[in-house]
Structure formats: C-alpha cells, structure tokens
Amino acid sequence: MRRIALLILIPLVLGACANKGLRDLRNVSNGPNEFMIQPNKPLETPGNYSELPPPTPGQANLTDRSALNEGVIAFGGRPEAAGGPIPASDGALVQHASRLGVAPNIREDLAARDAKFRKGKARLTQFRIVPVDRYNQVYRRQTLDANREAAKWRRAGARTPSAPPAQ
C-alpha cells in the first residue's frame, strides 16, 4: 500500500515543481492575450457638466490610458513631442546610433530569424518524456554567465560594478 501511495505521490510532487512562467515559447492558447488589456483610469465627476468637451465617437476618452505616453513620461520625456521630429539635443545620439545604417523592418526581420533559429533547434527536441524549458533548451549557448564575464573584464583591467555573490 505504501508503494502505491509513493508511486502516486512522487509524480505529483515533482510535477508541482515545474514553473515555466513566461519562458514557454509555445502558444498553447486560442484565448485572448492578457497583456493586451489596458486598465482604465478611474472615472471622475466633472466640476461643471456644461463645460464638458463634445463627445468624439471612435476616439479616445479622458479615462483611456496610453501605454506609449505613460512610457514616455516614465523615462522623463514629453508625450506631446513623442510623434514629432527628433529634438536637436538628441541629434548626435541618433546620428551615432544610425551610423551603420537603419533597417526599417528590423522587428519583422529579427522575428523571422528567431523563428528560423528556434525551428532549427527544435528538430530533435520534440520528443521528450517530461516537459522541458524550451527557452533554456534553445538559447543555452547564447546565455552569459555574469560572474565569469565580470571576472574576465576585471582581469583585462576594466572597472566593473560589484555583483551579488554567486549562488
């Protein structure tokens, strides 16, 4: 009886240890994307109902949030200047960053390359008895060991920030 209980209990305990979180690269759901949902700001009662702006059907409301504007504010920018020309103070930075050319479709190109890379790595990894972390499996050779990199730069004489001790 104990052996049967152990044979049932051990897989349950080991199965509870799995926590892949956001690192599972497979899309296993046909449902909505929870990251596309934006919460609204709380509703406010206006001081005077006769001074309200006219309604704009199909446009943004006063309580709608804008992730782009909030991101610009979080980094110390001005949302009204987000879609405009590049400020003169950032001209040297943009010129240096684009000195080797700018690819207009860089996101699509990188997504296609990444999909091709993962597909090539997944040829022999599709058959597993137990679930594995596909992220670590595919990108294992591209990871950096922070402590080893810091030690390498310190040996070369570069000033490096302190790092937490290795676990």
N, C-alpha and C. Protein backbone atom coordinates (compact mmCIF):
# COMPACT_ATOMS: atom_id res chain seq x y z
N MET A 1 0.82 -1.20 0.00
CA MET A 1 0.00 0.00 0.00
C MET A 1 0.86 1.26 0.00
N ARG A 2 1.95 1.21 0.78
CA ARG A 2 2.84 2.38 0.83
C ARG A 2 3.49 2.63 -0.53
N ARG A 3 3.86 1.56 -1.20
CA ARG A 3 4.50 1.72 -2.51
C ARG A 3 3.55 2.35 -3.51
N ILE A 4 2.31 1.95 -3.48
CA ILE A 4 1.32 2.53 -4.39
C ILE A 4 1.14 4.01 -4.07
N ALA A 5 1.07 4.34 -2.79
CA ALA A 5 0.93 5.75 -2.39
C ALA A 5 2.14 6.55 -2.84
N LEU A 6 3.35 5.98 -2.70
CA LEU A 6 4.56 6.69 -3.14
C LEU A 6 4.59 6.84 -4.66
N LEU A 7 4.17 5.80 -5.37
CA LEU A 7 4.15 5.89 -6.82
C LEU A 7 3.17 6.96 -7.32
N ILE A 8 2.15 7.22 -6.57
CA ILE A 8 1.19 8.27 -6.93
C ILE A 8 1.68 9.62 -6.45
N LEU A 9 2.26 9.67 -5.26
CA LEU A 9 2.65 10.93 -4.65
C LEU A 9 3.89 11.55 -5.29
N ILE A 10 4.88 10.74 -5.63
CA ILE A 10 6.14 11.28 -6.17
C ILE A 10 5.92 12.05 -7.48
N PRO A 11 5.19 11.52 -8.47
CA PRO A 11 4.97 12.34 -9.69
C PRO A 11 4.20 13.62 -9.42
N LEU A 12 3.26 13.57 -8.47
CA LEU A 12 2.52 14.79 -8.15
C LEU A 12 3.43 15.85 -7.54
N VAL A 13 4.31 15.43 -6.63
CA VAL A 13 5.23 16.38 -6.00
C VAL A 13 6.20 16.94 -7.04
N LEU A 14 6.75 16.07 -7.88
CA LEU A 14 7.68 16.55 -8.91
C LEU A 14 6.99 17.43 -9.94
N GLY A 15 5.76 17.13 -10.27
CA GLY A 15 5.01 17.95 -11.22
C GLY A 15 4.72 19.33 -10.68
N ALA A 16 4.59 19.44 -9.36
CA ALA A 16 4.32 20.75 -8.75
C ALA A 16 5.55 21.65 -8.78
N CYS A 17 6.72 21.10 -9.02
CA CYS A 17 7.95 21.89 -9.04
C CYS A 17 8.11 22.68 -10.34
N ALA A 18 7.40 22.32 -11.36
CA ALA A 18 7.55 22.98 -12.66
C ALA A 18 6.95 24.38 -12.61
N ASN A 19 7.74 25.37 -13.02
CA ASN A 19 7.27 26.75 -13.09
C ASN A 19 7.93 27.40 -14.29
N LYS A 20 7.33 27.25 -15.45
CA LYS A 20 7.92 27.81 -16.67
C LYS A 20 7.59 29.28 -16.83
N GLY A 21 6.46 29.71 -16.31
CA GLY A 21 6.10 31.12 -16.40
C GLY A 21 6.03 31.60 -17.83
N LEU A 22 6.61 32.76 -18.10
CA LEU A 22 6.55 33.38 -19.42
C LEU A 22 7.61 32.84 -20.37
N ARG A 23 8.41 31.88 -19.94
CA ARG A 23 9.51 31.40 -20.77
C ARG A 23 9.09 30.27 -21.70
N ASP A 24 7.87 29.81 -21.63
CA ASP A 24 7.41 28.78 -22.55
C ASP A 24 7.12 29.46 -23.88
N LEU A 25 7.85 29.10 -24.92
CA LEU A 25 7.77 29.80 -26.20
C LEU A 25 6.63 29.31 -27.07
N ARG A 26 5.93 28.27 -26.64
CA ARG A 26 4.85 27.74 -27.46
C ARG A 26 3.55 28.47 -27.13
N ASN A 27 2.75 28.73 -28.14
CA ASN A 27 1.44 29.32 -27.94
C ASN A 27 0.44 28.17 -27.83
N VAL A 28 -0.05 27.93 -26.63
CA VAL A 28 -0.94 26.79 -26.41
C VAL A 28 -2.39 27.24 -26.21
N SER A 29 -2.67 28.49 -26.46
CA SER A 29 -3.99 29.01 -26.18
C SER A 29 -4.55 29.73 -27.39
N ASN A 30 -5.84 29.59 -27.58
CA ASN A 30 -6.52 30.36 -28.62
C ASN A 30 -7.29 31.53 -28.00
N GLY A 31 -7.11 31.74 -26.71
CA GLY A 31 -7.84 32.78 -26.00
C GLY A 31 -7.21 34.14 -26.16
N PRO A 32 -7.74 35.13 -25.44
CA PRO A 32 -7.23 36.49 -25.55
C PRO A 32 -5.85 36.62 -24.91
N ASN A 33 -5.12 37.61 -25.35
CA ASN A 33 -3.80 37.90 -24.81
C ASN A 33 -3.99 38.83 -23.61
N GLU A 34 -3.63 38.34 -22.43
CA GLU A 34 -3.86 39.15 -21.23
C GLU A 34 -2.98 40.39 -21.17
N PHE A 35 -1.92 40.44 -21.98
CA PHE A 35 -1.06 41.62 -21.97
C PHE A 35 -1.60 42.74 -22.86
N MET A 36 -2.64 42.46 -23.63
CA MET A 36 -3.24 43.48 -24.48
C MET A 36 -4.34 44.27 -23.76
N ILE A 37 -4.69 43.85 -22.56
CA ILE A 37 -5.75 44.52 -21.81
C ILE A 37 -5.15 45.70 -21.06
N GLN A 38 -5.70 46.87 -21.27
CA GLN A 38 -5.23 48.06 -20.58
C GLN A 38 -6.30 48.52 -19.60
N PRO A 39 -5.96 48.64 -18.33
CA PRO A 39 -6.95 49.14 -17.39
C PRO A 39 -7.23 50.62 -17.63
N ASN A 40 -8.44 51.03 -17.33
CA ASN A 40 -8.81 52.44 -17.48
C ASN A 40 -8.48 53.21 -16.22
N LYS A 41 -8.35 54.49 -16.38
CA LYS A 41 -8.20 55.37 -15.21
C LYS A 41 -9.54 55.42 -14.50
N PRO A 42 -9.55 55.75 -13.22
CA PRO A 42 -10.83 55.86 -12.53
C PRO A 42 -11.67 57.01 -13.09
N LEU A 43 -12.98 56.81 -13.10
CA LEU A 43 -13.88 57.86 -13.58
C LEU A 43 -13.89 59.02 -12.60
N GLU A 44 -14.02 60.21 -13.14
CA GLU A 44 -14.05 61.41 -12.31
C GLU A 44 -15.33 62.19 -12.60
N THR A 45 -15.84 62.79 -11.59
CA THR A 45 -17.02 63.63 -11.76
C THR A 45 -16.55 65.03 -12.11
N PRO A 46 -17.01 65.58 -13.25
CA PRO A 46 -16.56 66.92 -13.62
C PRO A 46 -17.15 67.97 -12.68
N GLY A 47 -16.45 69.08 -12.58
CA GLY A 47 -16.93 70.17 -11.74
C GLY A 47 -18.18 70.82 -12.30
N ASN A 48 -18.27 70.91 -13.62
CA ASN A 48 -19.41 71.54 -14.26
C ASN A 48 -19.75 70.73 -15.52
N TYR A 49 -20.97 70.20 -15.56
CA TYR A 49 -21.36 69.37 -16.69
C TYR A 49 -21.54 70.18 -17.98
N SER A 50 -21.76 71.45 -17.88
CA SER A 50 -21.96 72.25 -19.09
C SER A 50 -20.64 72.57 -19.79
N GLU A 51 -19.51 72.39 -19.12
CA GLU A 51 -18.19 72.68 -19.71
C GLU A 51 -17.48 71.44 -20.23
N LEU A 52 -18.19 70.33 -20.35
CA LEU A 52 -17.58 69.11 -20.85
C LEU A 52 -17.25 69.24 -22.34
N PRO A 53 -16.19 68.62 -22.80
CA PRO A 53 -15.88 68.67 -24.24
C PRO A 53 -16.92 67.86 -25.00
N PRO A 54 -17.10 68.17 -26.27
CA PRO A 54 -18.08 67.40 -27.06
C PRO A 54 -17.61 65.96 -27.23
N PRO A 55 -18.54 65.01 -27.33
CA PRO A 55 -18.15 63.61 -27.50
C PRO A 55 -17.45 63.39 -28.83
N THR A 56 -16.52 62.47 -28.85
CA THR A 56 -15.78 62.13 -30.07
C THR A 56 -15.92 60.63 -30.31
N PRO A 57 -16.96 60.21 -31.04
CA PRO A 57 -17.16 58.78 -31.28
C PRO A 57 -15.97 58.15 -31.99
N GLY A 58 -15.57 57.00 -31.48
CA GLY A 58 -14.45 56.28 -32.07
C GLY A 58 -13.09 56.78 -31.64
N GLN A 59 -13.03 57.82 -30.86
CA GLN A 59 -11.76 58.38 -30.40
C GLN A 59 -11.53 58.00 -28.94
N ALA A 60 -10.40 58.41 -28.39
CA ALA A 60 -10.05 58.09 -27.01
C ALA A 60 -10.90 58.91 -26.04
N ASN A 61 -11.18 58.31 -24.90
CA ASN A 61 -11.88 59.00 -23.82
C ASN A 61 -10.88 59.60 -22.85
N LEU A 62 -11.37 60.44 -21.95
CA LEU A 62 -10.49 61.03 -20.94
C LEU A 62 -9.95 59.97 -19.99
N THR A 63 -10.68 58.86 -19.81
CA THR A 63 -10.24 57.82 -18.88
C THR A 63 -9.40 56.73 -19.55
N ASP A 64 -9.20 56.80 -20.87
CA ASP A 64 -8.38 55.81 -21.55
C ASP A 64 -6.91 56.08 -21.25
N ARG A 65 -6.18 55.00 -21.01
CA ARG A 65 -4.75 55.12 -20.75
C ARG A 65 -3.98 54.91 -22.05
N SER A 66 -2.82 55.51 -22.14
CA SER A 66 -1.94 55.32 -23.29
C SER A 66 -0.60 54.79 -22.78
N ALA A 67 -0.32 53.54 -23.10
CA ALA A 67 0.93 52.94 -22.64
C ALA A 67 2.14 53.69 -23.20
N LEU A 68 2.04 54.15 -24.45
CA LEU A 68 3.17 54.88 -25.04
C LEU A 68 3.42 56.19 -24.30
N ASN A 69 2.36 56.95 -24.03
CA ASN A 69 2.54 58.21 -23.31
C ASN A 69 3.05 57.98 -21.90
N GLU A 70 2.53 56.96 -21.22
CA GLU A 70 3.00 56.68 -19.87
C GLU A 70 4.46 56.25 -19.88
N GLY A 71 4.88 55.51 -20.91
CA GLY A 71 6.28 55.13 -21.02
C GLY A 71 7.18 56.33 -21.26
N VAL A 72 6.72 57.25 -22.11
CA VAL A 72 7.50 58.46 -22.38
C VAL A 72 7.66 59.28 -21.10
N ILE A 73 6.59 59.41 -20.34
CA ILE A 73 6.65 60.17 -19.08
C ILE A 73 7.57 59.47 -18.08
N ALA A 74 7.50 58.13 -18.02
CA ALA A 74 8.33 57.38 -17.08
C ALA A 74 9.81 57.57 -17.36
N PHE A 75 10.18 57.78 -18.64
CA PHE A 75 11.58 57.99 -18.97
C PHE A 75 11.95 59.46 -19.03
N GLY A 76 11.07 60.33 -18.56
CA GLY A 76 11.39 61.74 -18.45
C GLY A 76 11.14 62.55 -19.70
N GLY A 77 10.35 62.04 -20.61
CA GLY A 77 10.07 62.77 -21.85
C GLY A 77 8.75 63.50 -21.79
N ARG A 78 8.40 64.11 -22.90
CA ARG A 78 7.12 64.82 -23.03
C ARG A 78 6.26 64.09 -24.03
N PRO A 79 5.07 63.65 -23.64
CA PRO A 79 4.22 62.90 -24.57
C PRO A 79 3.84 63.68 -25.81
N GLU A 80 3.69 64.99 -25.72
CA GLU A 80 3.28 65.76 -26.89
C GLU A 80 4.37 65.79 -27.95
N ALA A 81 5.62 65.50 -27.58
CA ALA A 81 6.73 65.51 -28.53
C ALA A 81 7.05 64.11 -29.04
N ALA A 82 6.28 63.09 -28.64
CA ALA A 82 6.61 61.70 -28.97
C ALA A 82 6.51 61.43 -30.47
N GLY A 83 5.55 61.97 -31.15
CA GLY A 83 5.39 61.68 -32.58
C GLY A 83 6.06 62.69 -33.48
N GLY A 84 6.66 63.69 -32.91
CA GLY A 84 7.25 64.76 -33.71
C GLY A 84 8.67 64.46 -34.14
N PRO A 85 9.34 65.48 -34.65
CA PRO A 85 10.72 65.29 -35.10
C PRO A 85 11.66 65.06 -33.91
N ILE A 86 12.84 64.58 -34.20
CA ILE A 86 13.83 64.32 -33.16
C ILE A 86 14.36 65.66 -32.66
N PRO A 87 14.38 65.85 -31.33
CA PRO A 87 14.88 67.12 -30.80
C PRO A 87 16.37 67.31 -31.14
N ALA A 88 16.78 68.54 -31.24
CA ALA A 88 18.17 68.85 -31.58
C ALA A 88 19.13 68.30 -30.53
N SER A 89 18.68 68.22 -29.27
CA SER A 89 19.56 67.73 -28.22
C SER A 89 19.86 66.24 -28.39
N ASP A 90 19.01 65.50 -29.11
CA ASP A 90 19.23 64.07 -29.33
C ASP A 90 19.82 63.77 -30.70
N GLY A 91 20.13 64.79 -31.48
CA GLY A 91 20.62 64.59 -32.84
C GLY A 91 21.92 63.79 -32.89
N ALA A 92 22.86 64.10 -32.00
CA ALA A 92 24.15 63.40 -32.01
C ALA A 92 23.96 61.93 -31.63
N LEU A 93 23.08 61.66 -30.69
CA LEU A 93 22.81 60.29 -30.28
C LEU A 93 22.20 59.48 -31.43
N VAL A 94 21.22 60.05 -32.10
CA VAL A 94 20.57 59.35 -33.21
C VAL A 94 21.55 59.16 -34.36
N GLN A 95 22.36 60.14 -34.64
CA GLN A 95 23.34 60.03 -35.72
C GLN A 95 24.35 58.93 -35.40
N HIS A 96 24.81 58.85 -34.16
CA HIS A 96 25.78 57.81 -33.79
C HIS A 96 25.14 56.42 -33.85
N ALA A 97 23.90 56.31 -33.37
CA ALA A 97 23.23 55.01 -33.36
C ALA A 97 22.92 54.52 -34.77
N SER A 98 22.73 55.41 -35.71
CA SER A 98 22.39 55.00 -37.08
C SER A 98 23.56 55.14 -38.03
N ARG A 99 24.77 55.19 -37.53
CA ARG A 99 25.94 55.41 -38.38
C ARG A 99 26.20 54.26 -39.35
N LEU A 100 25.76 53.05 -39.00
CA LEU A 100 25.97 51.89 -39.89
C LEU A 100 24.72 51.57 -40.71
N GLY A 101 23.76 52.44 -40.67
CA GLY A 101 22.53 52.21 -41.44
C GLY A 101 21.38 51.83 -40.52
N VAL A 102 20.19 52.01 -41.02
CA VAL A 102 18.98 51.72 -40.27
C VAL A 102 18.10 50.81 -41.11
N ALA A 103 17.71 49.68 -40.54
CA ALA A 103 16.80 48.77 -41.24
C ALA A 103 15.37 49.13 -40.86
N PRO A 104 14.54 49.50 -41.81
CA PRO A 104 13.18 49.93 -41.46
C PRO A 104 12.31 48.79 -40.93
N ASN A 105 12.60 47.55 -41.30
CA ASN A 105 11.76 46.43 -40.86
C ASN A 105 12.53 45.51 -39.92
N ILE A 106 13.27 46.09 -38.99
CA ILE A 106 14.15 45.31 -38.12
C ILE A 106 13.37 44.34 -37.24
N ARG A 107 12.21 44.75 -36.74
CA ARG A 107 11.43 43.86 -35.87
C ARG A 107 10.95 42.62 -36.62
N GLU A 108 10.42 42.79 -37.81
CA GLU A 108 9.95 41.66 -38.59
C GLU A 108 11.11 40.75 -38.99
N ASP A 109 12.26 41.36 -39.34
CA ASP A 109 13.42 40.58 -39.73
C ASP A 109 13.93 39.74 -38.56
N LEU A 110 14.04 40.35 -37.39
CA LEU A 110 14.51 39.61 -36.21
C LEU A 110 13.52 38.53 -35.80
N ALA A 111 12.23 38.80 -35.90
CA ALA A 111 11.23 37.79 -35.56
C ALA A 111 11.34 36.59 -36.50
N ALA A 112 11.55 36.85 -37.79
CA ALA A 112 11.69 35.76 -38.75
C ALA A 112 12.97 34.96 -38.49
N ARG A 113 14.07 35.64 -38.20
CA ARG A 113 15.33 34.95 -37.90
C ARG A 113 15.21 34.11 -36.63
N ASP A 114 14.55 34.68 -35.61
CA ASP A 114 14.38 33.96 -34.35
C ASP A 114 13.51 32.72 -34.56
N ALA A 115 12.44 32.84 -35.34
CA ALA A 115 11.58 31.69 -35.61
C ALA A 115 12.36 30.61 -36.36
N LYS A 116 13.19 31.02 -37.32
CA LYS A 116 14.00 30.05 -38.07
C LYS A 116 15.02 29.38 -37.15
N PHE A 117 15.64 30.15 -36.26
CA PHE A 117 16.62 29.61 -35.32
C PHE A 117 15.98 28.60 -34.38
N ARG A 118 14.82 28.96 -33.82
CA ARG A 118 14.13 28.04 -32.90
C ARG A 118 13.65 26.79 -33.62
N LYS A 119 13.20 26.94 -34.86
CA LYS A 119 12.75 25.77 -35.62
C LYS A 119 13.92 24.84 -35.89
N GLY A 120 15.06 25.39 -36.23
CA GLY A 120 16.25 24.56 -36.46
C GLY A 120 16.71 23.85 -35.20
N LYS A 121 16.59 24.49 -34.06
CA LYS A 121 16.99 23.88 -32.80
C LYS A 121 15.97 22.87 -32.31
N ALA A 122 14.75 22.94 -32.78
CA ALA A 122 13.69 22.09 -32.25
C ALA A 122 13.52 20.79 -33.04
N ARG A 123 14.35 20.56 -34.04
CA ARG A 123 14.19 19.35 -34.85
C ARG A 123 14.28 18.07 -34.04
N LEU A 124 15.27 17.98 -33.18
CA LEU A 124 15.48 16.76 -32.41
C LEU A 124 15.00 16.88 -30.97
N THR A 125 14.37 17.97 -30.64
CA THR A 125 13.95 18.16 -29.25
C THR A 125 12.45 18.04 -29.07
N GLN A 126 11.75 17.54 -30.06
CA GLN A 126 10.30 17.47 -29.96
C GLN A 126 9.83 16.29 -29.15
N PHE A 127 10.65 15.27 -28.99
CA PHE A 127 10.22 14.06 -28.32
C PHE A 127 10.84 14.00 -26.93
N ARG A 128 10.05 14.30 -25.91
CA ARG A 128 10.51 14.28 -24.53
C ARG A 128 9.52 13.52 -23.67
N ILE A 129 10.02 12.81 -22.70
CA ILE A 129 9.14 12.08 -21.78
C ILE A 129 8.52 13.05 -20.79
N VAL A 130 9.33 14.01 -20.33
CA VAL A 130 8.84 15.01 -19.38
C VAL A 130 8.93 16.38 -20.03
N PRO A 131 8.10 17.32 -19.61
CA PRO A 131 8.19 18.67 -20.19
C PRO A 131 9.52 19.34 -19.84
N VAL A 132 10.05 20.11 -20.78
CA VAL A 132 11.31 20.81 -20.56
C VAL A 132 11.12 22.30 -20.82
N ASP A 133 12.04 23.07 -20.35
CA ASP A 133 12.02 24.51 -20.56
C ASP A 133 12.59 24.79 -21.94
N ARG A 134 11.75 25.04 -22.93
CA ARG A 134 12.20 25.26 -24.30
C ARG A 134 13.10 26.49 -24.42
N TYR A 135 12.86 27.49 -23.60
CA TYR A 135 13.67 28.70 -23.68
C TYR A 135 15.13 28.39 -23.38
N ASN A 136 15.37 27.72 -22.24
CA ASN A 136 16.75 27.35 -21.91
C ASN A 136 17.33 26.37 -22.91
N GLN A 137 16.50 25.50 -23.41
CA GLN A 137 16.97 24.50 -24.35
C GLN A 137 17.43 25.14 -25.65
N VAL A 138 16.71 26.10 -26.15
CA VAL A 138 17.03 26.72 -27.43
C VAL A 138 18.16 27.74 -27.29
N TYR A 139 18.13 28.55 -26.25
CA TYR A 139 19.08 29.66 -26.14
C TYR A 139 20.24 29.37 -25.17
N ARG A 140 20.49 28.11 -24.87
CA ARG A 140 21.53 27.74 -23.90
C ARG A 140 22.90 28.29 -24.29
N ARG A 141 23.25 28.20 -25.56
CA ARG A 141 24.59 28.61 -25.99
C ARG A 141 24.74 30.13 -26.08
N GLN A 142 23.64 30.86 -26.00
CA GLN A 142 23.70 32.32 -26.11
C GLN A 142 23.62 33.02 -24.76
N THR A 143 23.56 32.28 -23.68
CA THR A 143 23.45 32.91 -22.36
C THR A 143 24.83 33.35 -21.88
N LEU A 144 24.82 34.35 -21.04
CA LEU A 144 26.06 34.86 -20.45
C LEU A 144 26.09 34.51 -18.97
N ASP A 145 27.25 34.15 -18.50
CA ASP A 145 27.46 33.96 -17.08
C ASP A 145 27.99 35.29 -16.54
N ALA A 146 27.17 35.98 -15.77
CA ALA A 146 27.52 37.33 -15.32
C ALA A 146 28.81 37.36 -14.52
N ASN A 147 29.00 36.39 -13.64
CA ASN A 147 30.22 36.38 -12.82
C ASN A 147 31.46 36.11 -13.65
N ARG A 148 31.36 35.21 -14.62
CA ARG A 148 32.52 34.92 -15.47
C ARG A 148 32.86 36.12 -16.34
N GLU A 149 31.84 36.80 -16.87
CA GLU A 149 32.09 38.00 -17.68
C GLU A 149 32.73 39.11 -16.85
N ALA A 150 32.22 39.30 -15.63
CA ALA A 150 32.80 40.33 -14.76
C ALA A 150 34.26 40.01 -14.44
N ALA A 151 34.54 38.75 -14.17
CA ALA A 151 35.92 38.36 -13.87
C ALA A 151 36.82 38.57 -15.08
N LYS A 152 36.32 38.28 -16.27
CA LYS A 152 37.10 38.48 -17.50
C LYS A 152 37.44 39.95 -17.70
N TRP A 153 36.46 40.82 -17.48
CA TRP A 153 36.71 42.25 -17.66
C TRP A 153 37.61 42.80 -16.57
N ARG A 154 37.50 42.27 -15.36
CA ARG A 154 38.40 42.72 -14.28
C ARG A 154 39.84 42.32 -14.57
N ARG A 155 40.04 41.09 -15.09
CA ARG A 155 41.40 40.66 -15.45
C ARG A 155 41.97 41.53 -16.55
N ALA A 156 41.11 42.06 -17.43
CA ALA A 156 41.57 42.91 -18.52
C ALA A 156 41.84 44.33 -18.04
N GLY A 157 41.50 44.63 -16.78
CA GLY A 157 41.77 45.95 -16.22
C GLY A 157 40.62 46.93 -16.29
N ALA A 158 39.47 46.50 -16.74
CA ALA A 158 38.32 47.40 -16.84
C ALA A 158 37.66 47.55 -15.48
N ARG A 159 37.13 48.72 -15.22
CA ARG A 159 36.39 48.94 -13.98
C ARG A 159 35.01 48.34 -14.15
N THR A 160 34.60 47.51 -13.23
CA THR A 160 33.30 46.84 -13.30
C THR A 160 32.53 47.08 -12.01
N PRO A 161 31.23 47.16 -12.08
CA PRO A 161 30.45 47.30 -10.85
C PRO A 161 30.48 46.01 -10.04
N SER A 162 30.20 46.14 -8.78
CA SER A 162 30.16 44.95 -7.94
C SER A 162 28.91 44.15 -8.31
N ALA A 163 28.99 42.86 -8.09
CA ALA A 163 27.88 41.97 -8.41
C ALA A 163 27.55 41.14 -7.17
N PRO A 164 26.31 40.69 -7.06
CA PRO A 164 25.99 39.83 -5.92
C PRO A 164 26.78 38.54 -6.01
N PRO A 165 27.03 37.91 -4.87
CA PRO A 165 27.82 36.69 -4.90
C PRO A 165 27.10 35.58 -5.67
N ALA A 166 27.90 34.69 -6.25
CA ALA A 166 27.33 33.55 -6.99
C ALA A 166 26.60 32.64 -6.02
N GLN A 167 25.50 32.09 -6.48
CA GLN A 167 24.70 31.23 -5.60
C GLN A 167 25.11 29.80 -5.70
